[in-house]
Amino acid sequence: MRLSICIPTFNRANFLTDLLQSIADQTGHGCDVEVVISDNASNDHTAAVVAHFAETMDYLVYHRQERNEGPDRNFLKVIELASGDFCWFMGSDDVLEPGAIVRITEEIAQHPEIAGMSVARSMWDIALQERFVSPSNDRRLFTHSRIMHDDAAIFPISADYFGYLSGNIVRRALWNHVVATEQVSKYFNAYVHVYVMGRMLQHQPVWYYLAERCVKYRTGNDFFLKDGEFKRIKLDVDGYGEIVRSLYGEDSAPTRRMDNRVMFHVRHRLIVGKASNFDSDYYRDVLHLSYRHYRRYPRFWLEILPAALVPSRLVRLARATYRQTIRPLRLALMNRHH
């Protein structure tokens, strides 16, 4: 079995239908792919959706947890259930691009030495009707398809993308080795998979980046926003910070680079908050959190602090101007190239 598509899910039945259909359209009887679903005790009609597709997808494995075990344990469980040489994590609300499975299996065959692979994504609204411009880090990460060999260089530029489930494929045997030999429960912060991939890289520092878009990312559907905007930012700041320091130490180049990546996200969420007119407590809490973690960095003083203090009306004006002028031009250019 060459590839397992591993789907941890919880209460995403409506979206899961789209994903499974996109897989079924690219696979069939006798294909060298399996689909593994670990259902974290959903209370919607997830089981019925899976049963419907199981009638024609004889390569589908379904497991339902007796109770919700939290995201990290479910991430581990779905790989535990798999049997493929490589496992493609897949968020249950995303959709495969046409031809993605063939493309990925071809790349795995051509690069059997890799510890894993990251694949490019296209960005869409929640209804998969409107396409968005890809984030700047995506564009830097996927300028072209390539292999990298230095784990200390790979992890800081890729860790936040590792956090995006559907963009990553891992060698199952190496994943299982890390899980069996490390105390991964220390990193049950919604990013245990990022820690495991980081350790995998330290064991086998060979990672492939496929610049071809293989998955449609459904934005505006972040599961972890259920606990509020501030807790979502805190999840990134604390989670990534703990992981990179465990892997590379406090005062290391990978840690500094990772901190700067997370600061970019913090600044972005501050600007989004200003544009959306969040409560003032939000900016106070984010500023306190950022000061505690990042005050030694110039970026905190030059970007995060000003983003927290800029008047909301100026941000809304700038955003409206961007949407009316620059954004249509960027979308037109993107569509011309793709």
C-alpha atoms as a PDB file:
ATOM      1  CA  MET A   1       0.000   0.000   0.000  1.00  0.00           C
ATOM      2  CA  ARG A   2       1.688   3.192  -1.151  1.00  0.00           C
ATOM      3  CA  LEU A   3      -0.529   5.965   0.284  1.00  0.00           C
ATOM      4  CA  SER A   4      -3.060   6.336   3.112  1.00  0.00           C
ATOM      5  CA  ILE A   5      -5.258   9.444   3.147  1.00  0.00           C
ATOM      6  CA  CYS A   6      -5.779  10.009   6.882  1.00  0.00           C
ATOM      7  CA  ILE A   7      -8.783  12.084   7.951  1.00  0.00           C
ATOM      8  CA  PRO A   8      -9.297  12.997  11.624  1.00  0.00           C
ATOM      9  CA  THR A   9     -12.744  14.514  11.969  1.00  0.00           C
ATOM     10  CA  PHE A  10     -15.300  15.848  14.417  1.00  0.00           C
ATOM     11  CA  ASN A  11     -18.764  17.131  13.463  1.00  0.00           C
ATOM     12  CA  ARG A  12     -17.837  17.948   9.855  1.00  0.00           C
ATOM     13  CA  ALA A  13     -20.360  15.699   8.096  1.00  0.00           C
ATOM     14  CA  ASN A  14     -21.449  18.260   5.500  1.00  0.00           C
ATOM     15  CA  PHE A  15     -17.880  19.116   4.544  1.00  0.00           C
ATOM     16  CA  LEU A  16     -16.750  15.479   4.731  1.00  0.00           C
ATOM     17  CA  THR A  17     -19.133  14.640   1.888  1.00  0.00           C
ATOM     18  CA  ASP A  18     -17.265  17.006  -0.446  1.00  0.00           C
ATOM     19  CA  LEU A  19     -13.878  15.612   0.582  1.00  0.00           C
ATOM     20  CA  LEU A  20     -14.821  11.957   0.165  1.00  0.00           C
ATOM     21  CA  GLN A  21     -16.378  12.673  -3.205  1.00  0.00           C
ATOM     22  CA  SER A  22     -13.189  14.386  -4.369  1.00  0.00           C
ATOM     23  CA  ILE A  23     -11.246  11.262  -3.312  1.00  0.00           C
ATOM     24  CA  ALA A  24     -13.735   8.859  -4.900  1.00  0.00           C
ATOM     25  CA  ASP A  25     -13.454  10.769  -8.184  1.00  0.00           C
ATOM     26  CA  GLN A  26      -9.721   9.946  -8.280  1.00  0.00           C
ATOM     27  CA  THR A  27      -9.693   6.374  -6.994  1.00  0.00           C
ATOM     28  CA  GLY A  28     -11.414   3.098  -7.631  1.00  0.00           C
ATOM     29  CA  HIS A  29     -11.385  -0.627  -7.011  1.00  0.00           C
ATOM     30  CA  GLY A  30      -7.881  -2.035  -6.747  1.00  0.00           C
ATOM     31  CA  CYS A  31      -6.194   1.357  -6.349  1.00  0.00           C
ATOM     32  CA  ASP A  32      -3.046   1.538  -4.259  1.00  0.00           C
ATOM     33  CA  VAL A  33      -4.619   4.030  -1.843  1.00  0.00           C
ATOM     34  CA  GLU A  34      -6.600   3.650   1.364  1.00  0.00           C
ATOM     35  CA  VAL A  35      -8.789   6.201   3.115  1.00  0.00           C
ATOM     36  CA  VAL A  36      -8.698   6.174   6.930  1.00  0.00           C
ATOM     37  CA  ILE A  37     -11.177   8.171   9.015  1.00  0.00           C
ATOM     38  CA  SER A  38     -10.899   8.603  12.769  1.00  0.00           C
ATOM     39  CA  ASP A  39     -14.157  10.099  14.037  1.00  0.00           C
ATOM     40  CA  ASN A  40     -13.717  11.866  17.387  1.00  0.00           C
ATOM     41  CA  ALA A  41     -17.213  10.884  18.637  1.00  0.00           C
ATOM     42  CA  SER A  42     -19.125  13.218  16.309  1.00  0.00           C
ATOM     43  CA  ASN A  43     -22.750  13.851  17.207  1.00  0.00           C
ATOM     44  CA  ASP A  44     -23.822  14.853  13.705  1.00  0.00           C
ATOM     45  CA  HIS A  45     -24.423  12.475  10.757  1.00  0.00           C
ATOM     46  CA  THR A  46     -20.747  11.718  10.084  1.00  0.00           C
ATOM     47  CA  ALA A  47     -21.281   7.962  10.444  1.00  0.00           C
ATOM     48  CA  ALA A  48     -24.067   8.027   7.843  1.00  0.00           C
ATOM     49  CA  VAL A  49     -21.891   9.952   5.397  1.00  0.00           C
ATOM     50  CA  VAL A  50     -19.076   7.436   5.796  1.00  0.00           C
ATOM     51  CA  ALA A  51     -21.484   4.490   5.446  1.00  0.00           C
ATOM     52  CA  HIS A  52     -22.742   5.926   2.159  1.00  0.00           C
ATOM     53  CA  PHE A  53     -19.253   6.156   0.664  1.00  0.00           C
ATOM     54  CA  ALA A  54     -18.198   2.785   2.122  1.00  0.00           C
ATOM     55  CA  GLU A  55     -20.720   1.135  -0.206  1.00  0.00           C
ATOM     56  CA  THR A  56     -18.469   1.897  -3.170  1.00  0.00           C
ATOM     57  CA  MET A  57     -15.079   2.648  -1.557  1.00  0.00           C
ATOM     58  CA  ASP A  58     -13.825  -0.771  -0.455  1.00  0.00           C
ATOM     59  CA  TYR A  59     -10.527   0.826   0.570  1.00  0.00           C
ATOM     60  CA  LEU A  60     -12.127   2.951   3.321  1.00  0.00           C
ATOM     61  CA  VAL A  61     -11.323   2.321   7.008  1.00  0.00           C
ATOM     62  CA  TYR A  62     -13.594   3.949   9.608  1.00  0.00           C
ATOM     63  CA  HIS A  63     -13.036   4.160  13.358  1.00  0.00           C
ATOM     64  CA  ARG A  64     -15.249   6.006  15.815  1.00  0.00           C
ATOM     65  CA  GLN A  65     -13.819   7.020  19.196  1.00  0.00           C
ATOM     66  CA  GLU A  66     -16.017   6.184  22.173  1.00  0.00           C
ATOM     67  CA  ARG A  67     -15.647   9.781  23.396  1.00  0.00           C
ATOM     68  CA  ASN A  68     -14.005  12.950  22.148  1.00  0.00           C
ATOM     69  CA  GLU A  69     -10.308  12.496  22.902  1.00  0.00           C
ATOM     70  CA  GLY A  70      -9.233  15.968  21.773  1.00  0.00           C
ATOM     71  CA  PRO A  71      -7.552  16.774  18.462  1.00  0.00           C
ATOM     72  CA  ASP A  72      -4.042  15.545  19.294  1.00  0.00           C
ATOM     73  CA  ARG A  73      -5.037  12.010  20.245  1.00  0.00           C
ATOM     74  CA  ASN A  74      -7.227  11.841  17.159  1.00  0.00           C
ATOM     75  CA  PHE A  75      -4.315  12.925  14.950  1.00  0.00           C
ATOM     76  CA  LEU A  76      -2.242  10.102  16.418  1.00  0.00           C
ATOM     77  CA  LYS A  77      -5.087   7.600  16.138  1.00  0.00           C
ATOM     78  CA  VAL A  78      -5.704   8.129  12.431  1.00  0.00           C
ATOM     79  CA  ILE A  79      -2.052   7.333  11.615  1.00  0.00           C
ATOM     80  CA  GLU A  80      -2.137   4.347  13.978  1.00  0.00           C
ATOM     81  CA  LEU A  81      -5.034   2.930  11.929  1.00  0.00           C
ATOM     82  CA  ALA A  82      -3.274   3.401   8.598  1.00  0.00           C
ATOM     83  CA  SER A  83      -1.252   0.826   6.673  1.00  0.00           C
ATOM     84  CA  GLY A  84       0.291   2.898   3.861  1.00  0.00           C
ATOM     85  CA  ASP A  85       3.982   3.545   3.449  1.00  0.00           C
ATOM     86  CA  PHE A  86       3.119   7.248   3.462  1.00  0.00           C
ATOM     87  CA  CYS A  87       0.203   9.002   5.169  1.00  0.00           C
ATOM     88  CA  TRP A  88      -1.417  12.144   3.792  1.00  0.00           C
ATOM     89  CA  PHE A  89      -3.056  14.061   6.632  1.00  0.00           C
ATOM     90  CA  MET A  90      -6.310  15.560   5.416  1.00  0.00           C
ATOM     91  CA  GLY A  91      -8.516  18.087   7.171  1.00  0.00           C
ATOM     92  CA  SER A  92     -12.103  16.896   6.861  1.00  0.00           C
ATOM     93  CA  ASP A  93     -13.320  20.235   5.491  1.00  0.00           C
ATOM     94  CA  ASP A  94     -10.834  20.483   2.611  1.00  0.00           C
ATOM     95  CA  VAL A  95     -11.079  19.022  -0.903  1.00  0.00           C
ATOM     96  CA  LEU A  96      -8.548  17.391  -3.216  1.00  0.00           C
ATOM     97  CA  GLU A  97      -7.569  19.131  -6.428  1.00  0.00           C
ATOM     98  CA  PRO A  98      -8.176  17.020  -9.565  1.00  0.00           C
ATOM     99  CA  GLY A  99      -5.298  14.644 -10.245  1.00  0.00           C
ATOM    100  CA  ALA A 100      -3.702  15.197  -6.831  1.00  0.00           C
ATOM    101  CA  ILE A 101      -3.518  11.524  -5.806  1.00  0.00           C
ATOM    102  CA  VAL A 102      -1.758  10.422  -8.985  1.00  0.00           C
ATOM    103  CA  ARG A 103       0.651  13.347  -8.741  1.00  0.00           C
ATOM    104  CA  ILE A 104       1.561  12.581  -5.126  1.00  0.00           C
ATOM    105  CA  THR A 105       1.973   8.844  -5.639  1.00  0.00           C
ATOM    106  CA  GLU A 106       4.268   9.595  -8.585  1.00  0.00           C
ATOM    107  CA  GLU A 107       6.404  11.894  -6.452  1.00  0.00           C
ATOM    108  CA  ILE A 108       6.634   9.340  -3.638  1.00  0.00           C
ATOM    109  CA  ALA A 109       7.812   6.723  -6.138  1.00  0.00           C
ATOM    110  CA  GLN A 110      10.448   9.112  -7.500  1.00  0.00           C
ATOM    111  CA  HIS A 111      11.693  10.201  -4.043  1.00  0.00           C
ATOM    112  CA  PRO A 112      11.577   7.122  -1.794  1.00  0.00           C
ATOM    113  CA  GLU A 113      14.220   8.589   0.546  1.00  0.00           C
ATOM    114  CA  ILE A 114      12.091  11.466   1.892  1.00  0.00           C
ATOM    115  CA  ALA A 115      10.823  11.676   5.474  1.00  0.00           C
ATOM    116  CA  GLY A 116       7.802  13.532   4.189  1.00  0.00           C
ATOM    117  CA  MET A 117       6.360  16.006   1.763  1.00  0.00           C
ATOM    118  CA  SER A 118       4.512  19.331   1.846  1.00  0.00           C
ATOM    119  CA  VAL A 119       2.164  20.136  -1.034  1.00  0.00           C
ATOM    120  CA  ALA A 120       0.873  23.508  -2.168  1.00  0.00           C
ATOM    121  CA  ARG A 121      -2.749  24.527  -1.645  1.00  0.00           C
ATOM    122  CA  SER A 122      -5.232  26.877  -3.228  1.00  0.00           C
ATOM    123  CA  MET A 123      -7.227  29.177  -0.954  1.00  0.00           C
ATOM    124  CA  TRP A 124     -11.040  29.374  -1.140  1.00  0.00           C
ATOM    125  CA  ASP A 125     -13.980  30.762   0.782  1.00  0.00           C
ATOM    126  CA  ILE A 126     -16.001  28.433   2.978  1.00  0.00           C
ATOM    127  CA  ALA A 127     -18.350  27.566   0.094  1.00  0.00           C
ATOM    128  CA  LEU A 128     -15.464  26.815  -2.301  1.00  0.00           C
ATOM    129  CA  GLN A 129     -16.863  29.413  -4.680  1.00  0.00           C
ATOM    130  CA  GLU A 130     -14.410  32.317  -4.427  1.00  0.00           C
ATOM    131  CA  ARG A 131     -10.672  31.857  -4.712  1.00  0.00           C
ATOM    132  CA  PHE A 132      -8.288  33.978  -2.627  1.00  0.00           C
ATOM    133  CA  VAL A 133      -4.682  35.074  -3.020  1.00  0.00           C
ATOM    134  CA  SER A 134      -2.287  32.642  -1.331  1.00  0.00           C
ATOM    135  CA  PRO A 135      -0.478  33.865   1.812  1.00  0.00           C
ATOM    136  CA  SER A 136       3.022  35.254   1.302  1.00  0.00           C
ATOM    137  CA  ASN A 137       4.630  32.351   3.181  1.00  0.00           C
ATOM    138  CA  ASP A 138       2.941  29.864   0.833  1.00  0.00           C
ATOM    139  CA  ARG A 139       4.393  31.700  -2.131  1.00  0.00           C
ATOM    140  CA  ARG A 140       7.876  31.628  -0.602  1.00  0.00           C
ATOM    141  CA  LEU A 141       7.633  27.968   0.390  1.00  0.00           C
ATOM    142  CA  PHE A 142       6.421  26.757  -2.998  1.00  0.00           C
ATOM    143  CA  THR A 143       8.367  28.842  -5.497  1.00  0.00           C
ATOM    144  CA  HIS A 144       9.332  25.548  -7.153  1.00  0.00           C
ATOM    145  CA  SER A 145       9.355  21.835  -6.353  1.00  0.00           C
ATOM    146  CA  ARG A 146      12.497  20.823  -4.495  1.00  0.00           C
ATOM    147  CA  ILE A 147      14.099  18.679  -1.784  1.00  0.00           C
ATOM    148  CA  MET A 148      15.727  20.184   1.308  1.00  0.00           C
ATOM    149  CA  HIS A 149      18.172  18.289   3.557  1.00  0.00           C
ATOM    150  CA  ASP A 150      18.892  20.495   6.612  1.00  0.00           C
ATOM    151  CA  ASP A 151      16.381  20.020   9.420  1.00  0.00           C
ATOM    152  CA  ALA A 152      17.428  23.247  11.177  1.00  0.00           C
ATOM    153  CA  ALA A 153      16.658  25.125   7.956  1.00  0.00           C
ATOM    154  CA  ILE A 154      13.507  23.159   7.078  1.00  0.00           C
ATOM    155  CA  PHE A 155      11.651  23.365  10.378  1.00  0.00           C
ATOM    156  CA  PRO A 156      11.495  27.159  10.920  1.00  0.00           C
ATOM    157  CA  ILE A 157      10.230  27.880   7.395  1.00  0.00           C
ATOM    158  CA  SER A 158       7.796  24.960   7.396  1.00  0.00           C
ATOM    159  CA  ALA A 159       6.490  24.518  10.954  1.00  0.00           C
ATOM    160  CA  ASP A 160       3.463  26.769  10.558  1.00  0.00           C
ATOM    161  CA  TYR A 161       2.644  24.961   7.303  1.00  0.00           C
ATOM    162  CA  PHE A 162       3.086  21.655   9.113  1.00  0.00           C
ATOM    163  CA  GLY A 163       0.272  22.929  11.338  1.00  0.00           C
ATOM    164  CA  TYR A 164      -2.007  22.854   8.277  1.00  0.00           C
ATOM    165  CA  LEU A 165      -3.015  19.189   8.194  1.00  0.00           C
ATOM    166  CA  SER A 166      -3.971  18.820   4.541  1.00  0.00           C
ATOM    167  CA  GLY A 167      -0.657  20.134   3.260  1.00  0.00           C
ATOM    168  CA  ASN A 168       1.528  17.343   4.608  1.00  0.00           C
ATOM    169  CA  ILE A 169       2.436  13.722   3.936  1.00  0.00           C
ATOM    170  CA  VAL A 170       4.622  11.691   6.309  1.00  0.00           C
ATOM    171  CA  ARG A 171       6.543   8.413   6.157  1.00  0.00           C
ATOM    172  CA  ARG A 172       4.497   6.174   8.441  1.00  0.00           C
ATOM    173  CA  ALA A 173       7.336   4.017   9.780  1.00  0.00           C
ATOM    174  CA  LEU A 174       9.332   7.064  10.820  1.00  0.00           C
ATOM    175  CA  TRP A 175       6.260   8.725  12.330  1.00  0.00           C
ATOM    176  CA  ASN A 176       5.533   5.570  14.335  1.00  0.00           C
ATOM    177  CA  HIS A 177       9.130   5.409  15.555  1.00  0.00           C
ATOM    178  CA  VAL A 178       8.951   8.950  16.944  1.00  0.00           C
ATOM    179  CA  VAL A 179       5.573   8.352  18.585  1.00  0.00           C
ATOM    180  CA  ALA A 180       6.830   5.112  20.175  1.00  0.00           C
ATOM    181  CA  THR A 181      10.083   6.565  21.519  1.00  0.00           C
ATOM    182  CA  GLU A 182       9.120  10.132  22.521  1.00  0.00           C
ATOM    183  CA  GLN A 183       6.791  11.489  25.211  1.00  0.00           C
ATOM    184  CA  VAL A 184       4.553  13.112  22.636  1.00  0.00           C
ATOM    185  CA  SER A 185       1.752  13.664  25.161  1.00  0.00           C
ATOM    186  CA  LYS A 186       3.769  16.661  26.417  1.00  0.00           C
ATOM    187  CA  TYR A 187       2.791  18.372  23.152  1.00  0.00           C
ATOM    188  CA  PHE A 188      -0.949  17.878  23.251  1.00  0.00           C
ATOM    189  CA  ASN A 189      -1.478  21.537  22.370  1.00  0.00           C
ATOM    190  CA  ALA A 190      -3.322  20.934  19.053  1.00  0.00           C
ATOM    191  CA  TYR A 191       0.071  20.685  17.322  1.00  0.00           C
ATOM    192  CA  VAL A 192       1.399  17.276  18.326  1.00  0.00           C
ATOM    193  CA  HIS A 193       1.776  16.480  14.624  1.00  0.00           C
ATOM    194  CA  VAL A 194       4.132  19.455  14.225  1.00  0.00           C
ATOM    195  CA  TYR A 195       6.341  18.149  17.021  1.00  0.00           C
ATOM    196  CA  VAL A 196       6.397  14.642  15.545  1.00  0.00           C
ATOM    197  CA  MET A 197       7.317  15.980  12.096  1.00  0.00           C
ATOM    198  CA  GLY A 198      10.072  18.050  13.667  1.00  0.00           C
ATOM    199  CA  ARG A 199      11.531  14.973  15.345  1.00  0.00           C
ATOM    200  CA  MET A 200      11.172  13.019  12.096  1.00  0.00           C
ATOM    201  CA  LEU A 201      13.283  15.636  10.362  1.00  0.00           C
ATOM    202  CA  GLN A 202      15.990  15.351  13.004  1.00  0.00           C
ATOM    203  CA  HIS A 203      16.121  11.599  12.382  1.00  0.00           C
ATOM    204  CA  GLN A 204      15.899  11.835   8.590  1.00  0.00           C
ATOM    205  CA  PRO A 205      16.396  15.402   7.319  1.00  0.00           C
ATOM    206  CA  VAL A 206      15.009  14.985   3.804  1.00  0.00           C
ATOM    207  CA  TRP A 207      11.797  16.852   2.948  1.00  0.00           C
ATOM    208  CA  TYR A 208      10.146  17.388  -0.421  1.00  0.00           C
ATOM    209  CA  TYR A 209       8.132  20.450  -1.427  1.00  0.00           C
ATOM    210  CA  LEU A 210       5.663  19.929  -4.266  1.00  0.00           C
ATOM    211  CA  ALA A 211       4.779  23.297  -5.782  1.00  0.00           C
ATOM    212  CA  GLU A 212       1.764  21.921  -7.626  1.00  0.00           C
ATOM    213  CA  ARG A 213      -1.513  22.694  -5.828  1.00  0.00           C
ATOM    214  CA  CYS A 214      -2.974  19.427  -4.547  1.00  0.00           C
ATOM    215  CA  VAL A 215      -5.646  20.549  -2.081  1.00  0.00           C
ATOM    216  CA  LYS A 216      -8.316  23.230  -1.836  1.00  0.00           C
ATOM    217  CA  TYR A 217      -8.179  24.899   1.573  1.00  0.00           C
ATOM    218  CA  ARG A 218     -11.599  25.976   2.842  1.00  0.00           C
ATOM    219  CA  THR A 219     -10.914  29.186   4.816  1.00  0.00           C
ATOM    220  CA  GLY A 220     -13.182  30.748   7.430  1.00  0.00           C
ATOM    221  CA  ASN A 221     -13.721  27.419   9.142  1.00  0.00           C
ATOM    222  CA  ASP A 222     -11.070  27.263  11.865  1.00  0.00           C
ATOM    223  CA  PHE A 223     -12.205  24.724  14.469  1.00  0.00           C
ATOM    224  CA  PHE A 224     -10.088  26.315  17.190  1.00  0.00           C
ATOM    225  CA  LEU A 225     -11.804  29.699  16.904  1.00  0.00           C
ATOM    226  CA  LYS A 226     -14.670  28.206  18.904  1.00  0.00           C
ATOM    227  CA  ASP A 227     -12.793  29.277  22.049  1.00  0.00           C
ATOM    228  CA  GLY A 228     -12.347  32.868  20.865  1.00  0.00           C
ATOM    229  CA  GLU A 229      -9.803  34.916  18.937  1.00  0.00           C
ATOM    230  CA  PHE A 230      -7.380  35.440  21.811  1.00  0.00           C
ATOM    231  CA  LYS A 231      -7.189  31.753  22.743  1.00  0.00           C
ATOM    232  CA  ARG A 232      -6.596  30.964  19.061  1.00  0.00           C
ATOM    233  CA  ILE A 233      -3.544  33.235  18.999  1.00  0.00           C
ATOM    234  CA  LYS A 234      -2.363  31.887  22.358  1.00  0.00           C
ATOM    235  CA  LEU A 235      -2.550  28.372  20.901  1.00  0.00           C
ATOM    236  CA  ASP A 236      -0.018  29.362  18.224  1.00  0.00           C
ATOM    237  CA  VAL A 237       2.254  31.416  20.460  1.00  0.00           C
ATOM    238  CA  ASP A 238       2.478  28.826  23.240  1.00  0.00           C
ATOM    239  CA  GLY A 239       2.280  25.734  21.031  1.00  0.00           C
ATOM    240  CA  TYR A 240       4.884  26.581  18.422  1.00  0.00           C
ATOM    241  CA  GLY A 241       7.114  28.195  21.027  1.00  0.00           C
ATOM    242  CA  GLU A 242       7.136  25.091  23.217  1.00  0.00           C
ATOM    243  CA  ILE A 243       7.790  22.780  20.259  1.00  0.00           C
ATOM    244  CA  VAL A 244      10.675  24.673  18.671  1.00  0.00           C
ATOM    245  CA  ARG A 245      12.400  25.174  22.025  1.00  0.00           C
ATOM    246  CA  SER A 246      12.132  21.473  22.775  1.00  0.00           C
ATOM    247  CA  LEU A 247      13.617  20.611  19.382  1.00  0.00           C
ATOM    248  CA  TYR A 248      16.353  23.258  19.129  1.00  0.00           C
ATOM    249  CA  GLY A 249      16.746  25.047  22.465  1.00  0.00           C
ATOM    250  CA  GLU A 250      15.976  28.544  23.680  1.00  0.00           C
ATOM    251  CA  ASP A 251      18.680  30.625  22.030  1.00  0.00           C
ATOM    252  CA  SER A 252      19.024  29.002  18.610  1.00  0.00           C
ATOM    253  CA  ALA A 253      18.641  30.199  15.038  1.00  0.00           C
ATOM    254  CA  PRO A 254      15.637  27.889  14.379  1.00  0.00           C
ATOM    255  CA  THR A 255      13.895  29.210  17.502  1.00  0.00           C
ATOM    256  CA  ARG A 256      14.464  32.833  16.515  1.00  0.00           C
ATOM    257  CA  ARG A 257      13.201  32.167  12.997  1.00  0.00           C
ATOM    258  CA  MET A 258      10.146  30.335  14.299  1.00  0.00           C
ATOM    259  CA  ASP A 259       9.338  33.127  16.749  1.00  0.00           C
ATOM    260  CA  ASN A 260       9.486  35.613  13.891  1.00  0.00           C
ATOM    261  CA  ARG A 261       7.102  33.477  11.839  1.00  0.00           C
ATOM    262  CA  VAL A 262       4.581  33.358  14.675  1.00  0.00           C
ATOM    263  CA  MET A 263       4.949  37.116  15.245  1.00  0.00           C
ATOM    264  CA  PHE A 264       3.910  37.619  11.629  1.00  0.00           C
ATOM    265  CA  HIS A 265       0.673  35.744  12.379  1.00  0.00           C
ATOM    266  CA  VAL A 266       0.107  37.705  15.587  1.00  0.00           C
ATOM    267  CA  ARG A 267       0.461  41.001  13.748  1.00  0.00           C
ATOM    268  CA  HIS A 268      -1.943  39.765  11.061  1.00  0.00           C
ATOM    269  CA  ARG A 269      -4.560  38.774  13.659  1.00  0.00           C
ATOM    270  CA  LEU A 270      -4.226  42.163  15.330  1.00  0.00           C
ATOM    271  CA  ILE A 271      -4.921  43.879  12.007  1.00  0.00           C
ATOM    272  CA  VAL A 272      -7.893  41.586  11.372  1.00  0.00           C
ATOM    273  CA  GLY A 273      -9.172  42.474  14.825  1.00  0.00           C
ATOM    274  CA  LYS A 274      -8.908  46.182  14.071  1.00  0.00           C
ATOM    275  CA  ALA A 275     -10.744  45.720  10.782  1.00  0.00           C
ATOM    276  CA  SER A 276     -13.453  43.709  12.524  1.00  0.00           C
ATOM    277  CA  ASN A 277     -13.695  46.072  15.514  1.00  0.00           C
ATOM    278  CA  PHE A 278     -12.841  43.519  18.208  1.00  0.00           C
ATOM    279  CA  ASP A 279     -13.256  44.415  21.868  1.00  0.00           C
ATOM    280  CA  SER A 280     -10.384  46.402  23.403  1.00  0.00           C
ATOM    281  CA  ASP A 281      -9.661  43.559  25.868  1.00  0.00           C
ATOM    282  CA  TYR A 282      -8.498  41.483  22.893  1.00  0.00           C
ATOM    283  CA  TYR A 283      -5.669  43.886  22.004  1.00  0.00           C
ATOM    284  CA  ARG A 284      -4.625  44.211  25.636  1.00  0.00           C
ATOM    285  CA  ASP A 285      -4.440  40.436  26.068  1.00  0.00           C
ATOM    286  CA  VAL A 286      -2.559  39.888  22.792  1.00  0.00           C
ATOM    287  CA  LEU A 287      -0.115  42.660  23.617  1.00  0.00           C
ATOM    288  CA  HIS A 288       0.558  41.192  27.072  1.00  0.00           C
ATOM    289  CA  LEU A 289       1.053  37.718  25.603  1.00  0.00           C
ATOM    290  CA  SER A 290       3.365  39.033  22.874  1.00  0.00           C
ATOM    291  CA  TYR A 291       5.410  41.145  25.276  1.00  0.00           C
ATOM    292  CA  ARG A 292       5.962  38.139  27.512  1.00  0.00           C
ATOM    293  CA  HIS A 293       7.223  36.000  24.624  1.00  0.00           C
ATOM    294  CA  TYR A 294       8.769  38.409  22.136  1.00  0.00           C
ATOM    295  CA  ARG A 295       9.938  41.603  23.831  1.00  0.00           C
ATOM    296  CA  ARG A 296      13.574  40.796  23.007  1.00  0.00           C
ATOM    297  CA  TYR A 297      12.812  40.982  19.280  1.00  0.00           C
ATOM    298  CA  PRO A 298      12.794  44.254  17.278  1.00  0.00           C
ATOM    299  CA  ARG A 299       9.764  42.933  15.403  1.00  0.00           C
ATOM    300  CA  PHE A 300       7.659  43.176  18.548  1.00  0.00           C
ATOM    301  CA  TRP A 301       8.409  46.904  18.919  1.00  0.00           C
ATOM    302  CA  LEU A 302       8.290  47.742  15.211  1.00  0.00           C
ATOM    303  CA  GLU A 303       5.275  45.681  14.110  1.00  0.00           C
ATOM    304  CA  ILE A 304       3.209  44.117  16.900  1.00  0.00           C
ATOM    305  CA  LEU A 305       3.089  47.131  19.202  1.00  0.00           C
ATOM    306  CA  PRO A 306       2.092  49.569  16.396  1.00  0.00           C
ATOM    307  CA  ALA A 307      -0.520  47.080  15.100  1.00  0.00           C
ATOM    308  CA  ALA A 308      -2.075  46.950  18.568  1.00  0.00           C
ATOM    309  CA  LEU A 309      -2.147  50.744  18.891  1.00  0.00           C
ATOM    310  CA  VAL A 310      -3.180  51.909  15.400  1.00  0.00           C
ATOM    311  CA  PRO A 311      -6.756  53.301  15.303  1.00  0.00           C
ATOM    312  CA  SER A 312      -9.310  50.835  13.969  1.00  0.00           C
ATOM    313  CA  ARG A 313     -10.806  53.350  11.534  1.00  0.00           C
ATOM    314  CA  LEU A 314      -7.477  53.692   9.711  1.00  0.00           C
ATOM    315  CA  VAL A 315      -7.191  49.920   9.339  1.00  0.00           C
ATOM    316  CA  ARG A 316     -10.732  49.647   7.975  1.00  0.00           C
ATOM    317  CA  LEU A 317     -10.035  52.429   5.470  1.00  0.00           C
ATOM    318  CA  ALA A 318      -6.810  50.790   4.297  1.00  0.00           C
ATOM    319  CA  ARG A 319      -8.493  47.401   3.976  1.00  0.00           C
ATOM    320  CA  ALA A 320     -11.377  48.801   1.945  1.00  0.00           C
ATOM    321  CA  THR A 321      -8.931  50.568  -0.380  1.00  0.00           C
ATOM    322  CA  TYR A 322      -6.929  47.355  -0.859  1.00  0.00           C
ATOM    323  CA  ARG A 323     -10.032  45.321  -1.684  1.00  0.00           C
ATOM    324  CA  GLN A 324     -11.183  47.838  -4.272  1.00  0.00           C
ATOM    325  CA  THR A 325      -7.839  48.384  -5.982  1.00  0.00           C
ATOM    326  CA  ILE A 326      -4.907  46.022  -5.386  1.00  0.00           C
ATOM    327  CA  ARG A 327      -6.751  42.769  -4.613  1.00  0.00           C
ATOM    328  CA  PRO A 328      -8.609  42.509  -7.975  1.00  0.00           C
ATOM    329  CA  LEU A 329      -5.316  43.038  -9.807  1.00  0.00           C
ATOM    330  CA  ARG A 330      -3.574  40.320  -7.789  1.00  0.00           C
ATOM    331  CA  LEU A 331      -6.421  37.855  -8.382  1.00  0.00           C
ATOM    332  CA  ALA A 332      -6.388  38.578 -12.106  1.00  0.00           C
ATOM    333  CA  LEU A 333      -2.640  37.986 -12.229  1.00  0.00           C
ATOM    334  CA  MET A 334      -2.960  34.765 -10.216  1.00  0.00           C
ATOM    335  CA  ASN A 335      -5.688  33.395 -12.496  1.00  0.00           C
ATOM    336  CA  ARG A 336      -3.638  34.256 -15.583  1.00  0.00           C
ATOM    337  CA  HIS A 337      -0.704  32.215 -14.274  1.00  0.00           C
ATOM    338  CA  HIS A 338      -2.776  29.253 -13.058  1.00  0.00           C
END
